[in-house]
Amino acid sequence: MADMNKSEKNMPQVGIVMGSDSDMPVMARAADVLEELGIPCEMAIISAHREPDVFFSYAKSAEEKGFKVIIAGAGMAAHLPGMCAAIFPMPVIGIPMHTSSLGGRDSLYSIVQMPSGIPVATVAINGGANAGLLAARILATSDPELLKRLKEYSVKMKEQVEAKDARLQTEGYRAYLEGMK
């Protein structure tokens, strides 16, 4: 398990767990958003199916580690988010991974079809950035400074879209497309 920020005063607030290193590019987008917002997190690769004892220990100790939210990404059978939610008493955000056989619908259905009493918030297939933002919004309900940073992040996103439109209006769509190559 790799700590994103190892100092004692910056204990991880969000656990990011994935079943395979093939999920890393998507999960890294969640970590990138959290890092940009100043939220310490910890990443781990743990298979709920291949290492059930290691997984159980991770989920059971998450609260003691200070996690307030877990972001769990998984593909195919995608039991990792649901199992986290069954053990960890705070919010779990599931990221369904795109799969070659069903395009991620199998993962999505596995995560959203949880039994009553075991909720898992679910973002879009490969929705790593939105998972990071959702975790930040959950944490911001009790952190006014984080809420301020989230609002600044939203303004920055708006300004990026406005800048792209200004460029489109100035260059025209053909030059804009050419510049994207």
C-alpha atoms as a PDB file:
ATOM      1  CA  MET A   1       0.000   0.000   0.000  1.00  0.00           C
ATOM      2  CA  ALA A   2       1.370   3.383  -1.014  1.00  0.00           C
ATOM      3  CA  ASP A   3       0.731   6.484   1.061  1.00  0.00           C
ATOM      4  CA  MET A   4      -0.040   9.560  -1.008  1.00  0.00           C
ATOM      5  CA  ASN A   5       1.022  11.763   1.913  1.00  0.00           C
ATOM      6  CA  LYS A   6       2.988  10.181   4.747  1.00  0.00           C
ATOM      7  CA  SER A   7       3.190  12.965   7.343  1.00  0.00           C
ATOM      8  CA  GLU A   8       1.444  12.254  10.631  1.00  0.00           C
ATOM      9  CA  LYS A   9      -0.645  15.419  10.503  1.00  0.00           C
ATOM     10  CA  ASN A  10      -1.898  14.501   7.034  1.00  0.00           C
ATOM     11  CA  MET A  11      -3.312  11.066   7.702  1.00  0.00           C
ATOM     12  CA  PRO A  12      -5.268   9.719   4.738  1.00  0.00           C
ATOM     13  CA  GLN A  13      -8.951  10.634   4.766  1.00  0.00           C
ATOM     14  CA  VAL A  14      -9.798   8.611   1.673  1.00  0.00           C
ATOM     15  CA  GLY A  15      -8.869   5.042   0.886  1.00  0.00           C
ATOM     16  CA  ILE A  16      -8.591   4.215  -2.807  1.00  0.00           C
ATOM     17  CA  VAL A  17      -8.648   0.489  -3.444  1.00  0.00           C
ATOM     18  CA  MET A  18      -8.684  -1.459  -6.688  1.00  0.00           C
ATOM     19  CA  GLY A  19      -8.803  -5.136  -7.498  1.00  0.00           C
ATOM     20  CA  SER A  20      -6.068  -5.045 -10.143  1.00  0.00           C
ATOM     21  CA  ASP A  21      -3.280  -2.797 -11.351  1.00  0.00           C
ATOM     22  CA  SER A  22      -5.103  -2.617 -14.686  1.00  0.00           C
ATOM     23  CA  ASP A  23      -7.544  -0.314 -12.837  1.00  0.00           C
ATOM     24  CA  MET A  24      -4.743   2.117 -11.898  1.00  0.00           C
ATOM     25  CA  PRO A  25      -5.219   4.686 -14.706  1.00  0.00           C
ATOM     26  CA  VAL A  26      -8.856   5.232 -13.682  1.00  0.00           C
ATOM     27  CA  MET A  27      -8.154   5.193  -9.948  1.00  0.00           C
ATOM     28  CA  ALA A  28      -5.259   7.624 -10.430  1.00  0.00           C
ATOM     29  CA  ARG A  29      -7.750  10.196 -11.721  1.00  0.00           C
ATOM     30  CA  ALA A  30      -9.543  10.032  -8.347  1.00  0.00           C
ATOM     31  CA  ALA A  31      -6.231  10.449  -6.531  1.00  0.00           C
ATOM     32  CA  ASP A  32      -5.268  13.369  -8.784  1.00  0.00           C
ATOM     33  CA  VAL A  33      -8.480  15.244  -7.930  1.00  0.00           C
ATOM     34  CA  LEU A  34      -8.051  14.567  -4.215  1.00  0.00           C
ATOM     35  CA  GLU A  35      -4.434  15.700  -4.363  1.00  0.00           C
ATOM     36  CA  GLU A  36      -5.378  18.902  -6.202  1.00  0.00           C
ATOM     37  CA  LEU A  37      -7.921  19.646  -3.461  1.00  0.00           C
ATOM     38  CA  GLY A  38      -5.406  18.932  -0.690  1.00  0.00           C
ATOM     39  CA  ILE A  39      -7.049  15.736   0.553  1.00  0.00           C
ATOM     40  CA  PRO A  40      -4.620  13.030   1.686  1.00  0.00           C
ATOM     41  CA  CYS A  41      -5.393   9.536   0.439  1.00  0.00           C
ATOM     42  CA  GLU A  42      -3.915   6.058   0.422  1.00  0.00           C
ATOM     43  CA  MET A  43      -3.978   3.637  -2.520  1.00  0.00           C
ATOM     44  CA  ALA A  44      -3.975  -0.143  -2.430  1.00  0.00           C
ATOM     45  CA  ILE A  45      -4.359  -3.050  -4.845  1.00  0.00           C
ATOM     46  CA  ILE A  46      -6.303  -5.829  -3.140  1.00  0.00           C
ATOM     47  CA  SER A  47      -8.373  -8.553  -4.754  1.00  0.00           C
ATOM     48  CA  ALA A  48     -11.515  -9.367  -2.796  1.00  0.00           C
ATOM     49  CA  HIS A  49     -11.613 -12.735  -4.591  1.00  0.00           C
ATOM     50  CA  ARG A  50      -7.940 -13.748  -4.556  1.00  0.00           C
ATOM     51  CA  GLU A  51      -6.995 -12.289  -1.148  1.00  0.00           C
ATOM     52  CA  PRO A  52     -10.151 -12.297   0.979  1.00  0.00           C
ATOM     53  CA  ASP A  53      -8.208 -12.224   4.259  1.00  0.00           C
ATOM     54  CA  VAL A  54      -6.089  -9.242   3.141  1.00  0.00           C
ATOM     55  CA  PHE A  55      -9.201  -7.486   1.861  1.00  0.00           C
ATOM     56  CA  PHE A  56     -11.103  -8.083   5.108  1.00  0.00           C
ATOM     57  CA  SER A  57      -8.203  -6.677   7.126  1.00  0.00           C
ATOM     58  CA  TYR A  58      -8.055  -3.591   4.874  1.00  0.00           C
ATOM     59  CA  ALA A  59     -11.776  -2.855   5.129  1.00  0.00           C
ATOM     60  CA  LYS A  60     -11.906  -3.591   8.853  1.00  0.00           C
ATOM     61  CA  SER A  61      -8.949  -1.295   9.637  1.00  0.00           C
ATOM     62  CA  ALA A  62     -10.026   1.589   7.360  1.00  0.00           C
ATOM     63  CA  GLU A  63     -11.940   3.397  10.093  1.00  0.00           C
ATOM     64  CA  GLU A  64      -9.002   3.077  12.514  1.00  0.00           C
ATOM     65  CA  LYS A  65      -6.713   4.544   9.825  1.00  0.00           C
ATOM     66  CA  GLY A  66      -8.919   7.634   9.770  1.00  0.00           C
ATOM     67  CA  PHE A  67     -10.595   7.040   6.423  1.00  0.00           C
ATOM     68  CA  LYS A  68     -13.859   8.946   6.037  1.00  0.00           C
ATOM     69  CA  VAL A  69     -14.597   7.597   2.553  1.00  0.00           C
ATOM     70  CA  ILE A  70     -13.438   4.625   0.492  1.00  0.00           C
ATOM     71  CA  ILE A  71     -13.312   4.750  -3.298  1.00  0.00           C
ATOM     72  CA  ALA A  72     -13.332   1.193  -4.646  1.00  0.00           C
ATOM     73  CA  GLY A  73     -12.907   0.326  -8.307  1.00  0.00           C
ATOM     74  CA  ALA A  74     -13.536  -3.052  -9.849  1.00  0.00           C
ATOM     75  CA  GLY A  75     -14.381  -4.702 -13.130  1.00  0.00           C
ATOM     76  CA  MET A  76     -16.446  -7.704 -14.190  1.00  0.00           C
ATOM     77  CA  ALA A  77     -17.980  -9.267 -11.047  1.00  0.00           C
ATOM     78  CA  ALA A  78     -17.015  -6.049  -9.190  1.00  0.00           C
ATOM     79  CA  HIS A  79     -17.576  -7.233  -5.623  1.00  0.00           C
ATOM     80  CA  LEU A  80     -14.913  -4.978  -4.102  1.00  0.00           C
ATOM     81  CA  PRO A  81     -17.084  -1.853  -3.587  1.00  0.00           C
ATOM     82  CA  GLY A  82     -19.993  -3.805  -2.131  1.00  0.00           C
ATOM     83  CA  MET A  83     -17.788  -5.776   0.215  1.00  0.00           C
ATOM     84  CA  CYS A  84     -16.149  -2.535   1.384  1.00  0.00           C
ATOM     85  CA  ALA A  85     -19.616  -1.134   2.108  1.00  0.00           C
ATOM     86  CA  ALA A  86     -20.576  -4.281   4.015  1.00  0.00           C
ATOM     87  CA  ILE A  87     -17.605  -3.850   6.383  1.00  0.00           C
ATOM     88  CA  PHE A  88     -16.705  -0.121   6.427  1.00  0.00           C
ATOM     89  CA  PRO A  89     -19.369   1.972   8.247  1.00  0.00           C
ATOM     90  CA  MET A  90     -18.870   5.202   6.269  1.00  0.00           C
ATOM     91  CA  PRO A  91     -19.473   6.158   2.609  1.00  0.00           C
ATOM     92  CA  VAL A  92     -18.149   3.926  -0.156  1.00  0.00           C
ATOM     93  CA  ILE A  93     -17.986   5.125  -3.748  1.00  0.00           C
ATOM     94  CA  GLY A  94     -17.853   2.426  -6.409  1.00  0.00           C
ATOM     95  CA  ILE A  95     -16.203   2.924  -9.780  1.00  0.00           C
ATOM     96  CA  PRO A  96     -17.295   0.349 -12.350  1.00  0.00           C
ATOM     97  CA  MET A  97     -14.450  -0.424 -14.742  1.00  0.00           C
ATOM     98  CA  HIS A  98     -14.824  -0.752 -18.488  1.00  0.00           C
ATOM     99  CA  THR A  99     -14.552  -4.407 -19.496  1.00  0.00           C
ATOM    100  CA  SER A 100     -13.927  -5.920 -22.890  1.00  0.00           C
ATOM    101  CA  SER A 101     -16.835  -8.352 -22.733  1.00  0.00           C
ATOM    102  CA  LEU A 102     -19.717  -6.058 -21.744  1.00  0.00           C
ATOM    103  CA  GLY A 103     -18.221  -2.575 -21.870  1.00  0.00           C
ATOM    104  CA  GLY A 104     -18.451  -2.163 -18.104  1.00  0.00           C
ATOM    105  CA  ARG A 105     -22.175  -2.830 -17.779  1.00  0.00           C
ATOM    106  CA  ASP A 106     -21.368  -6.004 -15.838  1.00  0.00           C
ATOM    107  CA  SER A 107     -19.306  -3.955 -13.381  1.00  0.00           C
ATOM    108  CA  LEU A 108     -21.947  -1.239 -13.159  1.00  0.00           C
ATOM    109  CA  TYR A 109     -24.755  -3.679 -12.398  1.00  0.00           C
ATOM    110  CA  SER A 110     -22.658  -5.483  -9.775  1.00  0.00           C
ATOM    111  CA  ILE A 111     -22.055  -2.214  -7.946  1.00  0.00           C
ATOM    112  CA  VAL A 112     -25.483  -0.558  -8.176  1.00  0.00           C
ATOM    113  CA  GLN A 113     -27.553  -3.646  -7.358  1.00  0.00           C
ATOM    114  CA  MET A 114     -26.677  -3.770  -3.663  1.00  0.00           C
ATOM    115  CA  PRO A 115     -29.070  -5.193  -1.098  1.00  0.00           C
ATOM    116  CA  SER A 116     -31.011  -2.923   1.225  1.00  0.00           C
ATOM    117  CA  GLY A 117     -28.855  -1.622   4.066  1.00  0.00           C
ATOM    118  CA  ILE A 118     -25.536  -1.792   2.166  1.00  0.00           C
ATOM    119  CA  PRO A 119     -25.417   1.393   0.052  1.00  0.00           C
ATOM    120  CA  VAL A 120     -22.670   2.084  -2.464  1.00  0.00           C
ATOM    121  CA  ALA A 121     -22.603   5.439  -4.244  1.00  0.00           C
ATOM    122  CA  THR A 122     -21.732   4.755  -7.863  1.00  0.00           C
ATOM    123  CA  VAL A 123     -20.184   6.976 -10.521  1.00  0.00           C
ATOM    124  CA  ALA A 124     -19.969   6.421 -14.265  1.00  0.00           C
ATOM    125  CA  ILE A 125     -17.989   3.603 -15.842  1.00  0.00           C
ATOM    126  CA  ASN A 126     -14.301   4.616 -15.531  1.00  0.00           C
ATOM    127  CA  GLY A 127     -15.471   7.701 -13.583  1.00  0.00           C
ATOM    128  CA  GLY A 128     -12.348   8.176 -11.485  1.00  0.00           C
ATOM    129  CA  ALA A 129     -12.360  11.987 -11.463  1.00  0.00           C
ATOM    130  CA  ASN A 130     -16.010  12.144 -10.410  1.00  0.00           C
ATOM    131  CA  ALA A 131     -15.345   9.621  -7.646  1.00  0.00           C
ATOM    132  CA  GLY A 132     -12.627  11.904  -6.317  1.00  0.00           C
ATOM    133  CA  LEU A 133     -14.953  14.896  -6.513  1.00  0.00           C
ATOM    134  CA  LEU A 134     -17.774  13.025  -4.788  1.00  0.00           C
ATOM    135  CA  ALA A 135     -15.437  12.001  -1.971  1.00  0.00           C
ATOM    136  CA  ALA A 136     -14.346  15.642  -1.641  1.00  0.00           C
ATOM    137  CA  ARG A 137     -17.956  16.814  -1.499  1.00  0.00           C
ATOM    138  CA  ILE A 138     -18.739  14.284   1.223  1.00  0.00           C
ATOM    139  CA  LEU A 139     -15.759  15.499   3.255  1.00  0.00           C
ATOM    140  CA  ALA A 140     -16.658  19.159   2.605  1.00  0.00           C
ATOM    141  CA  THR A 141     -19.924  18.772   4.527  1.00  0.00           C
ATOM    142  CA  SER A 142     -17.863  19.118   7.703  1.00  0.00           C
ATOM    143  CA  ASP A 143     -14.864  21.102   6.402  1.00  0.00           C
ATOM    144  CA  PRO A 144     -15.488  24.753   5.422  1.00  0.00           C
ATOM    145  CA  GLU A 145     -11.947  25.187   4.032  1.00  0.00           C
ATOM    146  CA  LEU A 146     -12.395  22.203   1.736  1.00  0.00           C
ATOM    147  CA  LEU A 147     -15.769  23.555   0.634  1.00  0.00           C
ATOM    148  CA  LYS A 148     -14.018  26.801  -0.337  1.00  0.00           C
ATOM    149  CA  ARG A 149     -11.424  24.848  -2.366  1.00  0.00           C
ATOM    150  CA  LEU A 150     -14.203  22.877  -4.085  1.00  0.00           C
ATOM    151  CA  LYS A 151     -15.935  26.092  -5.102  1.00  0.00           C
ATOM    152  CA  GLU A 152     -12.638  27.422  -6.484  1.00  0.00           C
ATOM    153  CA  TYR A 153     -12.174  24.146  -8.393  1.00  0.00           C
ATOM    154  CA  SER A 154     -15.636  24.582  -9.973  1.00  0.00           C
ATOM    155  CA  VAL A 155     -14.808  28.147 -11.020  1.00  0.00           C
ATOM    156  CA  LYS A 156     -11.567  26.896 -12.594  1.00  0.00           C
ATOM    157  CA  MET A 157     -13.476  24.236 -14.571  1.00  0.00           C
ATOM    158  CA  LYS A 158     -15.961  26.870 -15.789  1.00  0.00           C
ATOM    159  CA  GLU A 159     -13.112  29.145 -16.870  1.00  0.00           C
ATOM    160  CA  GLN A 160     -11.486  26.296 -18.800  1.00  0.00           C
ATOM    161  CA  VAL A 161     -14.697  25.712 -20.771  1.00  0.00           C
ATOM    162  CA  GLU A 162     -15.061  29.437 -21.450  1.00  0.00           C
ATOM    163  CA  ALA A 163     -11.461  29.602 -22.723  1.00  0.00           C
ATOM    164  CA  LYS A 164     -12.079  26.660 -25.052  1.00  0.00           C
ATOM    165  CA  ASP A 165     -15.197  28.296 -26.452  1.00  0.00           C
ATOM    166  CA  ALA A 166     -13.367  31.602 -26.958  1.00  0.00           C
ATOM    167  CA  ARG A 167     -10.667  29.735 -28.880  1.00  0.00           C
ATOM    168  CA  LEU A 168     -13.316  27.970 -30.991  1.00  0.00           C
ATOM    169  CA  GLN A 169     -15.011  31.282 -31.785  1.00  0.00           C
ATOM    170  CA  THR A 170     -11.675  32.854 -32.754  1.00  0.00           C
ATOM    171  CA  GLU A 171     -10.143  29.977 -34.739  1.00  0.00           C
ATOM    172  CA  GLY A 172     -13.214  28.226 -36.137  1.00  0.00           C
ATOM    173  CA  TYR A 173     -13.900  24.531 -35.739  1.00  0.00           C
ATOM    174  CA  ARG A 174     -11.461  23.242 -38.386  1.00  0.00           C
ATOM    175  CA  ALA A 175      -8.424  24.998 -36.888  1.00  0.00           C
ATOM    176  CA  TYR A 176      -9.589  24.032 -33.397  1.00  0.00           C
ATOM    177  CA  LEU A 177      -9.794  20.364 -34.417  1.00  0.00           C
ATOM    178  CA  GLU A 178      -6.388  20.546 -36.076  1.00  0.00           C
ATOM    179  CA  GLY A 179      -4.939  21.996 -32.874  1.00  0.00           C
ATOM    180  CA  MET A 180      -6.306  19.040 -30.904  1.00  0.00           C
ATOM    181  CA  LYS A 181      -4.188  16.542 -32.871  1.00  0.00           C
END
